[in-house]
């Protein structure tokens, strides 16, 4: 009985150790990559990676005074001039690490567009509950709202917003948009937006499940200690009987 008790104790402690190792790895992963950056720098980092593929130029403009004499607009993407006939065609982004209403969001995006002669603008929010729209990405006219979580930045979300802004800029280069099949592009954007919403919903479920697992791990550690104490007591009693 003492051998069985000892073996059970060992197995329980190994299980608890495995759980703690998993938690430590998750914590280490959380501290890599974007940690230590401001939210604007996090967005810029992701933006630059996408821009480089198309030979666009992504830059920070938050401290640059624009045409309106203000500093509205945090980031700017200038599209590859080979695709614009040499014209300077750009879109801007406003990075928001705070809650904002939809009217205020649209107002700030409008100012950023005017300030930098941009053709489109995206408000990028660091958390879903800060955004004025429950969808991870949505647009109206030449303005869009994106949720790009600062703790778990989703590259697909940023790629979709980038593709939409680029499309708006290039579409507007021709008066009738004859260079594009507008219907097919709009349909593809809609499908991508719906897929993104499903992806982020699944992410939320996974995050919630992970939280529950961590809670369970904490309870497990307490139970391991409780079982260990009970087994020690049992072993002591058995020794006394002997």
C-alpha atoms as a PDB file:
ATOM      1  CA  UNK A   1       0.000   0.000   0.000  1.00  0.00           C
ATOM      2  CA  UNK A   2       2.873   2.336   0.786  1.00  0.00           C
ATOM      3  CA  UNK A   3       4.404   1.595  -2.647  1.00  0.00           C
ATOM      4  CA  UNK A   4       1.074   2.294  -4.389  1.00  0.00           C
ATOM      5  CA  UNK A   5       0.631   5.502  -2.405  1.00  0.00           C
ATOM      6  CA  UNK A   6       4.162   6.599  -3.280  1.00  0.00           C
ATOM      7  CA  UNK A   7       3.617   5.850  -6.971  1.00  0.00           C
ATOM      8  CA  UNK A   8       0.341   7.791  -7.045  1.00  0.00           C
ATOM      9  CA  UNK A   9       2.018  10.694  -5.323  1.00  0.00           C
ATOM     10  CA  UNK A  10       4.795  10.674  -7.935  1.00  0.00           C
ATOM     11  CA  UNK A  11       2.325  10.607 -10.833  1.00  0.00           C
ATOM     12  CA  UNK A  12       0.297  13.470  -9.401  1.00  0.00           C
ATOM     13  CA  UNK A  13       3.418  15.578  -8.927  1.00  0.00           C
ATOM     14  CA  UNK A  14       4.560  14.839 -12.499  1.00  0.00           C
ATOM     15  CA  UNK A  15       1.160  15.943 -13.775  1.00  0.00           C
ATOM     16  CA  UNK A  16       1.310  19.141 -11.757  1.00  0.00           C
ATOM     17  CA  UNK A  17       4.827  19.811 -13.062  1.00  0.00           C
ATOM     18  CA  UNK A  18       3.680  19.296 -16.663  1.00  0.00           C
ATOM     19  CA  UNK A  19       0.838  21.771 -16.159  1.00  0.00           C
ATOM     20  CA  UNK A  20       3.193  24.349 -14.666  1.00  0.00           C
ATOM     21  CA  UNK A  21       5.654  23.894 -17.550  1.00  0.00           C
ATOM     22  CA  UNK A  22       2.844  24.495 -20.025  1.00  0.00           C
ATOM     23  CA  UNK A  23       1.837  27.670 -18.221  1.00  0.00           C
ATOM     24  CA  UNK A  24       5.446  28.858 -18.173  1.00  0.00           C
ATOM     25  CA  UNK A  25       5.823  28.279 -21.913  1.00  0.00           C
ATOM     26  CA  UNK A  26       2.613  30.189 -22.627  1.00  0.00           C
ATOM     27  CA  UNK A  27       3.825  33.056 -20.472  1.00  0.00           C
ATOM     28  CA  UNK A  28       7.198  33.108 -22.252  1.00  0.00           C
ATOM     29  CA  UNK A  29       5.467  33.205 -25.638  1.00  0.00           C
ATOM     30  CA  UNK A  30       3.338  36.103 -24.468  1.00  0.00           C
ATOM     31  CA  UNK A  31       6.469  38.116 -23.618  1.00  0.00           C
ATOM     32  CA  UNK A  32       8.049  37.746 -27.075  1.00  0.00           C
ATOM     33  CA  UNK A  33       7.756  39.790 -30.277  1.00  0.00           C
ATOM     34  CA  UNK A  34       5.479  42.769 -29.685  1.00  0.00           C
ATOM     35  CA  UNK A  35       5.969  43.155 -25.940  1.00  0.00           C
ATOM     36  CA  UNK A  36       7.658  46.405 -24.984  1.00  0.00           C
ATOM     37  CA  UNK A  37       6.418  48.279 -28.046  1.00  0.00           C
ATOM     38  CA  UNK A  38       3.811  51.021 -27.936  1.00  0.00           C
ATOM     39  CA  UNK A  39       0.580  50.104 -29.650  1.00  0.00           C
ATOM     40  CA  UNK A  40       1.386  52.360 -32.599  1.00  0.00           C
ATOM     41  CA  UNK A  41       4.760  50.627 -33.025  1.00  0.00           C
ATOM     42  CA  UNK A  42       3.031  47.243 -32.936  1.00  0.00           C
ATOM     43  CA  UNK A  43       0.721  48.268 -35.767  1.00  0.00           C
ATOM     44  CA  UNK A  44       3.586  49.827 -37.728  1.00  0.00           C
ATOM     45  CA  UNK A  45       5.633  46.633 -37.417  1.00  0.00           C
ATOM     46  CA  UNK A  46       2.814  44.551 -38.907  1.00  0.00           C
ATOM     47  CA  UNK A  47       2.072  47.173 -41.541  1.00  0.00           C
ATOM     48  CA  UNK A  48       5.660  47.360 -42.767  1.00  0.00           C
ATOM     49  CA  UNK A  49       5.813  43.588 -43.256  1.00  0.00           C
ATOM     50  CA  UNK A  50       2.745  43.694 -45.508  1.00  0.00           C
ATOM     51  CA  UNK A  51       3.873  46.815 -47.394  1.00  0.00           C
ATOM     52  CA  UNK A  52       7.275  45.351 -48.261  1.00  0.00           C
ATOM     53  CA  UNK A  53       5.660  42.541 -50.253  1.00  0.00           C
ATOM     54  CA  UNK A  54       3.961  45.026 -52.606  1.00  0.00           C
ATOM     55  CA  UNK A  55       6.868  47.504 -52.545  1.00  0.00           C
ATOM     56  CA  UNK A  56       4.673  50.063 -50.827  1.00  0.00           C
ATOM     57  CA  UNK A  57       6.080  52.440 -48.221  1.00  0.00           C
ATOM     58  CA  UNK A  58       4.774  52.417 -44.633  1.00  0.00           C
ATOM     59  CA  UNK A  59       5.845  55.168 -42.260  1.00  0.00           C
ATOM     60  CA  UNK A  60       4.967  56.834 -38.979  1.00  0.00           C
ATOM     61  CA  UNK A  61       3.539  60.338 -39.440  1.00  0.00           C
ATOM     62  CA  UNK A  62       2.142  61.021 -35.972  1.00  0.00           C
ATOM     63  CA  UNK A  63       4.623  63.838 -35.373  1.00  0.00           C
ATOM     64  CA  UNK A  64       4.405  65.271 -38.881  1.00  0.00           C
ATOM     65  CA  UNK A  65       2.350  68.407 -39.472  1.00  0.00           C
ATOM     66  CA  UNK A  66       0.158  67.888 -42.520  1.00  0.00           C
ATOM     67  CA  UNK A  67      -1.796  70.019 -44.963  1.00  0.00           C
ATOM     68  CA  UNK A  68      -4.297  71.088 -42.298  1.00  0.00           C
ATOM     69  CA  UNK A  69      -1.541  72.276 -39.984  1.00  0.00           C
ATOM     70  CA  UNK A  70      -2.345  69.429 -37.558  1.00  0.00           C
ATOM     71  CA  UNK A  71      -0.840  66.064 -36.699  1.00  0.00           C
ATOM     72  CA  UNK A  72      -3.948  63.983 -37.408  1.00  0.00           C
ATOM     73  CA  UNK A  73      -2.977  60.523 -38.635  1.00  0.00           C
ATOM     74  CA  UNK A  74      -0.507  58.112 -37.029  1.00  0.00           C
ATOM     75  CA  UNK A  75       0.669  55.889 -39.882  1.00  0.00           C
ATOM     76  CA  UNK A  76       0.692  56.244 -43.640  1.00  0.00           C
ATOM     77  CA  UNK A  77       1.088  53.834 -46.539  1.00  0.00           C
ATOM     78  CA  UNK A  78       2.118  55.153 -49.947  1.00  0.00           C
ATOM     79  CA  UNK A  79       1.304  52.706 -52.727  1.00  0.00           C
ATOM     80  CA  UNK A  80       4.008  51.551 -55.127  1.00  0.00           C
ATOM     81  CA  UNK A  81       4.148  54.342 -57.760  1.00  0.00           C
ATOM     82  CA  UNK A  82       4.500  51.753 -60.514  1.00  0.00           C
ATOM     83  CA  UNK A  83       0.874  50.842 -59.859  1.00  0.00           C
ATOM     84  CA  UNK A  84      -0.384  54.422 -59.714  1.00  0.00           C
ATOM     85  CA  UNK A  85       1.149  55.917 -62.839  1.00  0.00           C
ATOM     86  CA  UNK A  86       3.701  57.751 -60.714  1.00  0.00           C
ATOM     87  CA  UNK A  87       1.085  59.557 -58.664  1.00  0.00           C
ATOM     88  CA  UNK A  88       1.350  59.741 -54.873  1.00  0.00           C
ATOM     89  CA  UNK A  89      -1.534  57.620 -53.662  1.00  0.00           C
ATOM     90  CA  UNK A  90      -1.780  56.896 -49.955  1.00  0.00           C
ATOM     91  CA  UNK A  91      -3.995  55.783 -47.102  1.00  0.00           C
ATOM     92  CA  UNK A  92      -3.658  56.619 -43.414  1.00  0.00           C
ATOM     93  CA  UNK A  93      -4.258  54.861 -40.124  1.00  0.00           C
ATOM     94  CA  UNK A  94      -5.286  56.164 -36.718  1.00  0.00           C
ATOM     95  CA  UNK A  95      -4.159  53.910 -33.850  1.00  0.00           C
ATOM     96  CA  UNK A  96      -6.495  53.926 -30.860  1.00  0.00           C
ATOM     97  CA  UNK A  97      -5.647  52.394 -27.486  1.00  0.00           C
ATOM     98  CA  UNK A  98      -8.829  53.782 -25.947  1.00  0.00           C
ATOM     99  CA  UNK A  99     -12.578  53.679 -26.419  1.00  0.00           C
ATOM    100  CA  UNK A 100     -14.090  55.890 -29.125  1.00  0.00           C
ATOM    101  CA  UNK A 101     -17.635  56.384 -30.423  1.00  0.00           C
ATOM    102  CA  UNK A 102     -18.453  55.914 -34.094  1.00  0.00           C
ATOM    103  CA  UNK A 103     -19.148  59.625 -34.763  1.00  0.00           C
ATOM    104  CA  UNK A 104     -15.851  60.569 -33.130  1.00  0.00           C
ATOM    105  CA  UNK A 105     -14.027  57.833 -35.024  1.00  0.00           C
ATOM    106  CA  UNK A 106     -15.405  59.017 -38.359  1.00  0.00           C
ATOM    107  CA  UNK A 107     -14.540  62.601 -37.470  1.00  0.00           C
ATOM    108  CA  UNK A 108     -10.916  61.724 -36.701  1.00  0.00           C
ATOM    109  CA  UNK A 109     -10.577  59.612 -39.835  1.00  0.00           C
ATOM    110  CA  UNK A 110     -11.946  62.470 -41.930  1.00  0.00           C
ATOM    111  CA  UNK A 111      -9.397  64.854 -40.446  1.00  0.00           C
ATOM    112  CA  UNK A 112      -6.557  62.393 -41.095  1.00  0.00           C
ATOM    113  CA  UNK A 113      -7.640  62.012 -44.731  1.00  0.00           C
ATOM    114  CA  UNK A 114      -7.716  65.769 -45.255  1.00  0.00           C
ATOM    115  CA  UNK A 115      -4.453  66.328 -43.408  1.00  0.00           C
ATOM    116  CA  UNK A 116      -2.476  63.941 -45.620  1.00  0.00           C
ATOM    117  CA  UNK A 117      -4.464  64.028 -48.875  1.00  0.00           C
ATOM    118  CA  UNK A 118      -5.220  60.326 -48.403  1.00  0.00           C
ATOM    119  CA  UNK A 119      -7.776  58.322 -50.331  1.00  0.00           C
ATOM    120  CA  UNK A 120      -8.768  56.049 -47.432  1.00  0.00           C
ATOM    121  CA  UNK A 121      -8.362  55.797 -43.667  1.00  0.00           C
ATOM    122  CA  UNK A 122      -8.493  53.017 -41.087  1.00  0.00           C
ATOM    123  CA  UNK A 123      -9.083  53.400 -37.346  1.00  0.00           C
ATOM    124  CA  UNK A 124      -7.153  50.577 -35.638  1.00  0.00           C
ATOM    125  CA  UNK A 125      -8.297  49.679 -32.123  1.00  0.00           C
ATOM    126  CA  UNK A 126      -6.194  47.775 -29.606  1.00  0.00           C
ATOM    127  CA  UNK A 127      -9.164  45.958 -28.067  1.00  0.00           C
ATOM    128  CA  UNK A 128     -12.556  44.850 -29.324  1.00  0.00           C
ATOM    129  CA  UNK A 129     -14.398  46.621 -26.502  1.00  0.00           C
ATOM    130  CA  UNK A 130     -12.713  49.910 -27.472  1.00  0.00           C
ATOM    131  CA  UNK A 131     -14.017  49.811 -31.045  1.00  0.00           C
ATOM    132  CA  UNK A 132     -17.369  51.426 -31.923  1.00  0.00           C
ATOM    133  CA  UNK A 133     -18.321  48.404 -34.036  1.00  0.00           C
ATOM    134  CA  UNK A 134     -18.560  44.801 -32.730  1.00  0.00           C
ATOM    135  CA  UNK A 135     -17.130  43.390 -35.987  1.00  0.00           C
ATOM    136  CA  UNK A 136     -13.365  42.783 -36.226  1.00  0.00           C
ATOM    137  CA  UNK A 137     -13.315  44.730 -39.510  1.00  0.00           C
ATOM    138  CA  UNK A 138     -15.935  46.903 -41.177  1.00  0.00           C
ATOM    139  CA  UNK A 139     -15.994  49.760 -43.645  1.00  0.00           C
ATOM    140  CA  UNK A 140     -18.214  52.500 -44.993  1.00  0.00           C
ATOM    141  CA  UNK A 141     -17.202  54.594 -47.972  1.00  0.00           C
ATOM    142  CA  UNK A 142     -13.477  55.255 -47.694  1.00  0.00           C
ATOM    143  CA  UNK A 143     -13.310  54.777 -43.916  1.00  0.00           C
ATOM    144  CA  UNK A 144     -12.859  51.534 -41.988  1.00  0.00           C
ATOM    145  CA  UNK A 145     -12.619  50.235 -38.422  1.00  0.00           C
ATOM    146  CA  UNK A 146     -10.244  47.417 -37.510  1.00  0.00           C
ATOM    147  CA  UNK A 147      -9.636  45.561 -34.252  1.00  0.00           C
ATOM    148  CA  UNK A 148      -5.950  44.610 -34.018  1.00  0.00           C
ATOM    149  CA  UNK A 149      -5.548  43.267 -30.504  1.00  0.00           C
ATOM    150  CA  UNK A 150      -2.364  44.498 -28.863  1.00  0.00           C
ATOM    151  CA  UNK A 151      -1.963  41.320 -26.795  1.00  0.00           C
ATOM    152  CA  UNK A 152      -2.719  38.879 -29.623  1.00  0.00           C
ATOM    153  CA  UNK A 153      -2.248  40.782 -32.905  1.00  0.00           C
ATOM    154  CA  UNK A 154      -3.907  38.932 -35.791  1.00  0.00           C
ATOM    155  CA  UNK A 155      -1.904  39.318 -38.987  1.00  0.00           C
ATOM    156  CA  UNK A 156      -4.877  38.221 -41.098  1.00  0.00           C
ATOM    157  CA  UNK A 157      -6.990  41.076 -39.758  1.00  0.00           C
ATOM    158  CA  UNK A 158      -4.330  43.628 -40.684  1.00  0.00           C
ATOM    159  CA  UNK A 159      -3.862  42.050 -44.120  1.00  0.00           C
ATOM    160  CA  UNK A 160      -7.588  42.315 -44.823  1.00  0.00           C
ATOM    161  CA  UNK A 161      -7.703  45.973 -43.785  1.00  0.00           C
ATOM    162  CA  UNK A 162      -4.614  46.665 -45.893  1.00  0.00           C
ATOM    163  CA  UNK A 163      -6.128  44.952 -48.942  1.00  0.00           C
ATOM    164  CA  UNK A 164      -9.354  46.935 -48.542  1.00  0.00           C
ATOM    165  CA  UNK A 165      -7.517  50.288 -48.262  1.00  0.00           C
ATOM    166  CA  UNK A 166      -5.307  49.476 -51.231  1.00  0.00           C
ATOM    167  CA  UNK A 167      -8.346  48.531 -53.279  1.00  0.00           C
ATOM    168  CA  UNK A 168     -10.110  51.800 -52.433  1.00  0.00           C
ATOM    169  CA  UNK A 169      -7.036  53.815 -53.402  1.00  0.00           C
ATOM    170  CA  UNK A 170      -6.482  52.050 -56.730  1.00  0.00           C
ATOM    171  CA  UNK A 171     -10.182  51.915 -57.568  1.00  0.00           C
ATOM    172  CA  UNK A 172     -10.454  55.668 -57.287  1.00  0.00           C
ATOM    173  CA  UNK A 173      -7.648  56.241 -59.795  1.00  0.00           C
ATOM    174  CA  UNK A 174     -10.114  55.637 -62.626  1.00  0.00           C
ATOM    175  CA  UNK A 175     -13.405  57.487 -62.768  1.00  0.00           C
ATOM    176  CA  UNK A 176     -15.493  54.392 -63.469  1.00  0.00           C
ATOM    177  CA  UNK A 177     -13.307  51.726 -61.856  1.00  0.00           C
ATOM    178  CA  UNK A 178     -13.132  49.997 -65.252  1.00  0.00           C
ATOM    179  CA  UNK A 179      -9.772  48.402 -64.434  1.00  0.00           C
ATOM    180  CA  UNK A 180     -11.448  46.196 -61.820  1.00  0.00           C
ATOM    181  CA  UNK A 181     -14.379  43.843 -61.528  1.00  0.00           C
ATOM    182  CA  UNK A 182     -15.925  45.813 -58.658  1.00  0.00           C
ATOM    183  CA  UNK A 183     -18.611  43.246 -57.900  1.00  0.00           C
ATOM    184  CA  UNK A 184     -16.169  40.359 -57.550  1.00  0.00           C
ATOM    185  CA  UNK A 185     -13.767  42.379 -55.407  1.00  0.00           C
ATOM    186  CA  UNK A 186     -16.532  43.597 -53.094  1.00  0.00           C
ATOM    187  CA  UNK A 187     -17.824  40.040 -52.763  1.00  0.00           C
ATOM    188  CA  UNK A 188     -14.326  38.751 -51.957  1.00  0.00           C
ATOM    189  CA  UNK A 189     -13.868  41.461 -49.319  1.00  0.00           C
ATOM    190  CA  UNK A 190     -17.208  40.558 -47.761  1.00  0.00           C
ATOM    191  CA  UNK A 191     -16.319  36.855 -47.631  1.00  0.00           C
ATOM    192  CA  UNK A 192     -12.960  37.677 -46.073  1.00  0.00           C
ATOM    193  CA  UNK A 193     -14.627  39.916 -43.487  1.00  0.00           C
ATOM    194  CA  UNK A 194     -17.088  37.160 -42.562  1.00  0.00           C
ATOM    195  CA  UNK A 195     -14.293  34.580 -42.323  1.00  0.00           C
ATOM    196  CA  UNK A 196     -12.300  36.944 -40.109  1.00  0.00           C
ATOM    197  CA  UNK A 197     -15.289  37.366 -37.798  1.00  0.00           C
ATOM    198  CA  UNK A 198     -15.590  33.581 -37.467  1.00  0.00           C
ATOM    199  CA  UNK A 199     -11.838  33.244 -36.871  1.00  0.00           C
ATOM    200  CA  UNK A 200     -11.843  35.831 -34.103  1.00  0.00           C
ATOM    201  CA  UNK A 201     -14.926  34.252 -32.546  1.00  0.00           C
ATOM    202  CA  UNK A 202     -13.047  30.941 -32.452  1.00  0.00           C
ATOM    203  CA  UNK A 203     -10.041  32.723 -30.944  1.00  0.00           C
ATOM    204  CA  UNK A 204     -12.246  34.107 -28.190  1.00  0.00           C
ATOM    205  CA  UNK A 205     -13.561  30.629 -27.417  1.00  0.00           C
ATOM    206  CA  UNK A 206     -10.003  29.284 -27.297  1.00  0.00           C
ATOM    207  CA  UNK A 207      -8.893  32.104 -25.011  1.00  0.00           C
ATOM    208  CA  UNK A 208     -11.801  31.394 -22.673  1.00  0.00           C
ATOM    209  CA  UNK A 209     -10.982  27.677 -22.703  1.00  0.00           C
ATOM    210  CA  UNK A 210      -7.326  28.437 -21.936  1.00  0.00           C
ATOM    211  CA  UNK A 211      -8.393  30.596 -19.020  1.00  0.00           C
ATOM    212  CA  UNK A 212     -10.496  27.745 -17.661  1.00  0.00           C
ATOM    213  CA  UNK A 213      -7.571  25.340 -18.102  1.00  0.00           C
ATOM    214  CA  UNK A 214      -5.323  27.685 -16.135  1.00  0.00           C
ATOM    215  CA  UNK A 215      -7.944  27.895 -13.406  1.00  0.00           C
ATOM    216  CA  UNK A 216      -8.136  24.110 -13.403  1.00  0.00           C
ATOM    217  CA  UNK A 217      -4.342  23.884 -13.171  1.00  0.00           C
ATOM    218  CA  UNK A 218      -4.410  26.082 -10.088  1.00  0.00           C
ATOM    219  CA  UNK A 219      -7.040  23.852  -8.489  1.00  0.00           C
ATOM    220  CA  UNK A 220      -5.045  20.785  -9.514  1.00  0.00           C
ATOM    221  CA  UNK A 221      -1.934  22.044  -7.737  1.00  0.00           C
ATOM    222  CA  UNK A 222      -3.954  22.518  -4.558  1.00  0.00           C
ATOM    223  CA  UNK A 223      -5.461  19.054  -4.920  1.00  0.00           C
ATOM    224  CA  UNK A 224      -2.027  17.490  -5.466  1.00  0.00           C
ATOM    225  CA  UNK A 225      -0.858  19.005  -2.200  1.00  0.00           C
ATOM    226  CA  UNK A 226      -4.016  17.781  -0.488  1.00  0.00           C
ATOM    227  CA  UNK A 227      -3.593  14.235  -1.845  1.00  0.00           C
ATOM    228  CA  UNK A 228       0.083  14.256  -0.898  1.00  0.00           C
ATOM    229  CA  UNK A 229      -0.805  15.243   2.661  1.00  0.00           C
ATOM    230  CA  UNK A 230      -3.466  12.506   2.825  1.00  0.00           C
ATOM    231  CA  UNK A 231      -1.017   9.899   1.500  1.00  0.00           C
ATOM    232  CA  UNK A 232       1.595  10.966   4.028  1.00  0.00           C
ATOM    233  CA  UNK A 233      -0.971  10.629   6.773  1.00  0.00           C
ATOM    234  CA  UNK A 234      -1.970   7.189   5.459  1.00  0.00           C
ATOM    235  CA  UNK A 235       1.650   6.046   5.290  1.00  0.00           C
ATOM    236  CA  UNK A 236       2.219   7.249   8.840  1.00  0.00           C
ATOM    237  CA  UNK A 237      -0.817   5.365  10.077  1.00  0.00           C
ATOM    238  CA  UNK A 238       0.317   2.204   8.278  1.00  0.00           C
ATOM    239  CA  UNK A 239       3.769   2.493   9.818  1.00  0.00           C
ATOM    240  CA  UNK A 240       2.186   2.868  13.257  1.00  0.00           C
ATOM    241  CA  UNK A 241       0.111  -0.243  12.665  1.00  0.00           C
ATOM    242  CA  UNK A 242       3.240  -2.161  11.744  1.00  0.00           C
END
